[in-house]
């Protein structure tokens, strides 16, 4: 996975992510939108034939800080799901 900042302004961030799973970015988007400080968080596939996804965030605070918090929250949630699934599934 490769990420590049396209634009960074005091309240807006646009990034390009290559070789990523859009599902993961949807989880981060969901975490961003749970925050009252985030006005907009969008994820799109730039073009179906490219392996590039764009994410844009508008916030009333620092966008890099918000995306870090959202990513940390997504990681914590996925770890909780992993523990839950592993406790319910027995491997022979």
C-alpha atoms as a PDB file:
ATOM      1  CA  UNK A   1       0.000   0.000   0.000  1.00  0.00           C
ATOM      2  CA  UNK A   2       1.222   3.471  -0.888  1.00  0.00           C
ATOM      3  CA  UNK A   3      -0.328   6.730   0.299  1.00  0.00           C
ATOM      4  CA  UNK A   4       0.357  10.225  -0.953  1.00  0.00           C
ATOM      5  CA  UNK A   5      -1.042  13.530   0.287  1.00  0.00           C
ATOM      6  CA  UNK A   6      -2.646  15.373  -2.621  1.00  0.00           C
ATOM      7  CA  UNK A   7      -3.686  18.495  -0.683  1.00  0.00           C
ATOM      8  CA  UNK A   8      -3.303  19.464   2.943  1.00  0.00           C
ATOM      9  CA  UNK A   9      -4.984  22.583   4.250  1.00  0.00           C
ATOM     10  CA  UNK A  10      -5.779  23.586   7.841  1.00  0.00           C
ATOM     11  CA  UNK A  11      -9.223  21.943   7.699  1.00  0.00           C
ATOM     12  CA  UNK A  12      -9.053  19.706   4.612  1.00  0.00           C
ATOM     13  CA  UNK A  13      -7.038  16.690   3.520  1.00  0.00           C
ATOM     14  CA  UNK A  14      -7.048  14.791   0.230  1.00  0.00           C
ATOM     15  CA  UNK A  15      -4.987  11.639  -0.135  1.00  0.00           C
ATOM     16  CA  UNK A  16      -4.350   9.069  -2.845  1.00  0.00           C
ATOM     17  CA  UNK A  17      -3.908   5.458  -1.770  1.00  0.00           C
ATOM     18  CA  UNK A  18      -2.638   2.780  -4.143  1.00  0.00           C
ATOM     19  CA  UNK A  19      -2.783  -0.989  -3.776  1.00  0.00           C
ATOM     20  CA  UNK A  20      -5.316  -0.853  -0.925  1.00  0.00           C
ATOM     21  CA  UNK A  21      -8.606  -2.525  -0.105  1.00  0.00           C
ATOM     22  CA  UNK A  22     -11.443   0.004  -0.295  1.00  0.00           C
ATOM     23  CA  UNK A  23     -13.260  -1.909   2.453  1.00  0.00           C
ATOM     24  CA  UNK A  24     -10.612  -0.877   4.965  1.00  0.00           C
ATOM     25  CA  UNK A  25     -10.994   2.740   3.910  1.00  0.00           C
ATOM     26  CA  UNK A  26     -14.761   2.469   4.362  1.00  0.00           C
ATOM     27  CA  UNK A  27     -14.148   1.412   7.980  1.00  0.00           C
ATOM     28  CA  UNK A  28     -11.874   4.426   8.513  1.00  0.00           C
ATOM     29  CA  UNK A  29     -14.490   6.640   6.841  1.00  0.00           C
ATOM     30  CA  UNK A  30     -17.120   5.284   9.227  1.00  0.00           C
ATOM     31  CA  UNK A  31     -14.903   6.059  12.217  1.00  0.00           C
ATOM     32  CA  UNK A  32     -14.269   9.576  10.895  1.00  0.00           C
ATOM     33  CA  UNK A  33     -17.973  10.288  10.463  1.00  0.00           C
ATOM     34  CA  UNK A  34     -18.677   9.236  14.059  1.00  0.00           C
ATOM     35  CA  UNK A  35     -16.682  12.283  15.182  1.00  0.00           C
ATOM     36  CA  UNK A  36     -18.633  15.526  15.479  1.00  0.00           C
ATOM     37  CA  UNK A  37     -15.543  17.457  14.369  1.00  0.00           C
ATOM     38  CA  UNK A  38     -15.589  15.830  10.920  1.00  0.00           C
ATOM     39  CA  UNK A  39     -17.925  17.516   8.442  1.00  0.00           C
ATOM     40  CA  UNK A  40     -17.193  15.250   5.466  1.00  0.00           C
ATOM     41  CA  UNK A  41     -15.252  12.051   4.806  1.00  0.00           C
ATOM     42  CA  UNK A  42     -15.448  10.533   1.346  1.00  0.00           C
ATOM     43  CA  UNK A  43     -13.826   7.562  -0.373  1.00  0.00           C
ATOM     44  CA  UNK A  44     -13.906   6.870  -4.115  1.00  0.00           C
ATOM     45  CA  UNK A  45     -12.139   4.640  -6.616  1.00  0.00           C
ATOM     46  CA  UNK A  46     -10.440   7.093  -8.966  1.00  0.00           C
ATOM     47  CA  UNK A  47     -11.044   4.838 -11.975  1.00  0.00           C
ATOM     48  CA  UNK A  48     -12.031   1.154 -12.188  1.00  0.00           C
ATOM     49  CA  UNK A  49      -8.930   0.280 -14.229  1.00  0.00           C
ATOM     50  CA  UNK A  50      -6.483   1.884 -11.828  1.00  0.00           C
ATOM     51  CA  UNK A  51      -5.557   0.645  -8.396  1.00  0.00           C
ATOM     52  CA  UNK A  52      -5.979   4.084  -6.844  1.00  0.00           C
ATOM     53  CA  UNK A  53      -8.434   5.250  -4.196  1.00  0.00           C
ATOM     54  CA  UNK A  54      -8.963   8.854  -3.126  1.00  0.00           C
ATOM     55  CA  UNK A  55     -10.056   9.936   0.324  1.00  0.00           C
ATOM     56  CA  UNK A  56     -11.086  13.464   1.267  1.00  0.00           C
ATOM     57  CA  UNK A  57     -11.734  14.807   4.756  1.00  0.00           C
ATOM     58  CA  UNK A  58     -13.176  18.162   5.854  1.00  0.00           C
ATOM     59  CA  UNK A  59     -13.020  18.903   9.559  1.00  0.00           C
ATOM     60  CA  UNK A  60     -13.194  21.764  12.019  1.00  0.00           C
ATOM     61  CA  UNK A  61      -9.843  20.654  13.500  1.00  0.00           C
ATOM     62  CA  UNK A  62      -6.619  19.228  12.083  1.00  0.00           C
ATOM     63  CA  UNK A  63      -7.471  16.572   9.457  1.00  0.00           C
ATOM     64  CA  UNK A  64      -4.291  14.524   9.979  1.00  0.00           C
ATOM     65  CA  UNK A  65      -5.085  14.228  13.680  1.00  0.00           C
ATOM     66  CA  UNK A  66      -8.639  13.118  12.910  1.00  0.00           C
ATOM     67  CA  UNK A  67      -7.534  10.448  10.444  1.00  0.00           C
ATOM     68  CA  UNK A  68      -4.994   9.145  12.991  1.00  0.00           C
ATOM     69  CA  UNK A  69      -7.701   8.877  15.672  1.00  0.00           C
ATOM     70  CA  UNK A  70     -10.074   7.160  13.232  1.00  0.00           C
ATOM     71  CA  UNK A  71      -7.401   4.686  12.134  1.00  0.00           C
ATOM     72  CA  UNK A  72      -6.477   3.872  15.737  1.00  0.00           C
ATOM     73  CA  UNK A  73     -10.152   3.326  16.538  1.00  0.00           C
ATOM     74  CA  UNK A  74     -10.598   1.054  13.502  1.00  0.00           C
ATOM     75  CA  UNK A  75      -7.576  -1.019  14.561  1.00  0.00           C
ATOM     76  CA  UNK A  76      -8.911  -1.349  18.113  1.00  0.00           C
ATOM     77  CA  UNK A  77     -12.349  -2.420  16.853  1.00  0.00           C
ATOM     78  CA  UNK A  78     -10.864  -5.006  14.477  1.00  0.00           C
ATOM     79  CA  UNK A  79      -8.735  -6.435  17.302  1.00  0.00           C
ATOM     80  CA  UNK A  80     -11.883  -6.804  19.434  1.00  0.00           C
ATOM     81  CA  UNK A  81     -13.641  -8.630  16.580  1.00  0.00           C
ATOM     82  CA  UNK A  82     -10.617 -10.890  16.128  1.00  0.00           C
ATOM     83  CA  UNK A  83     -10.692 -11.852  19.815  1.00  0.00           C
ATOM     84  CA  UNK A  84     -14.444 -12.476  19.640  1.00  0.00           C
ATOM     85  CA  UNK A  85     -14.203 -14.662  16.537  1.00  0.00           C
ATOM     86  CA  UNK A  86     -11.211 -16.601  17.872  1.00  0.00           C
ATOM     87  CA  UNK A  87     -13.063 -17.322  21.116  1.00  0.00           C
ATOM     88  CA  UNK A  88     -16.054 -18.721  19.182  1.00  0.00           C
ATOM     89  CA  UNK A  89     -14.163 -20.730  16.573  1.00  0.00           C
ATOM     90  CA  UNK A  90     -12.228 -23.835  17.536  1.00  0.00           C
ATOM     91  CA  UNK A  91      -9.524 -24.942  15.106  1.00  0.00           C
ATOM     92  CA  UNK A  92      -8.752 -28.683  14.956  1.00  0.00           C
END
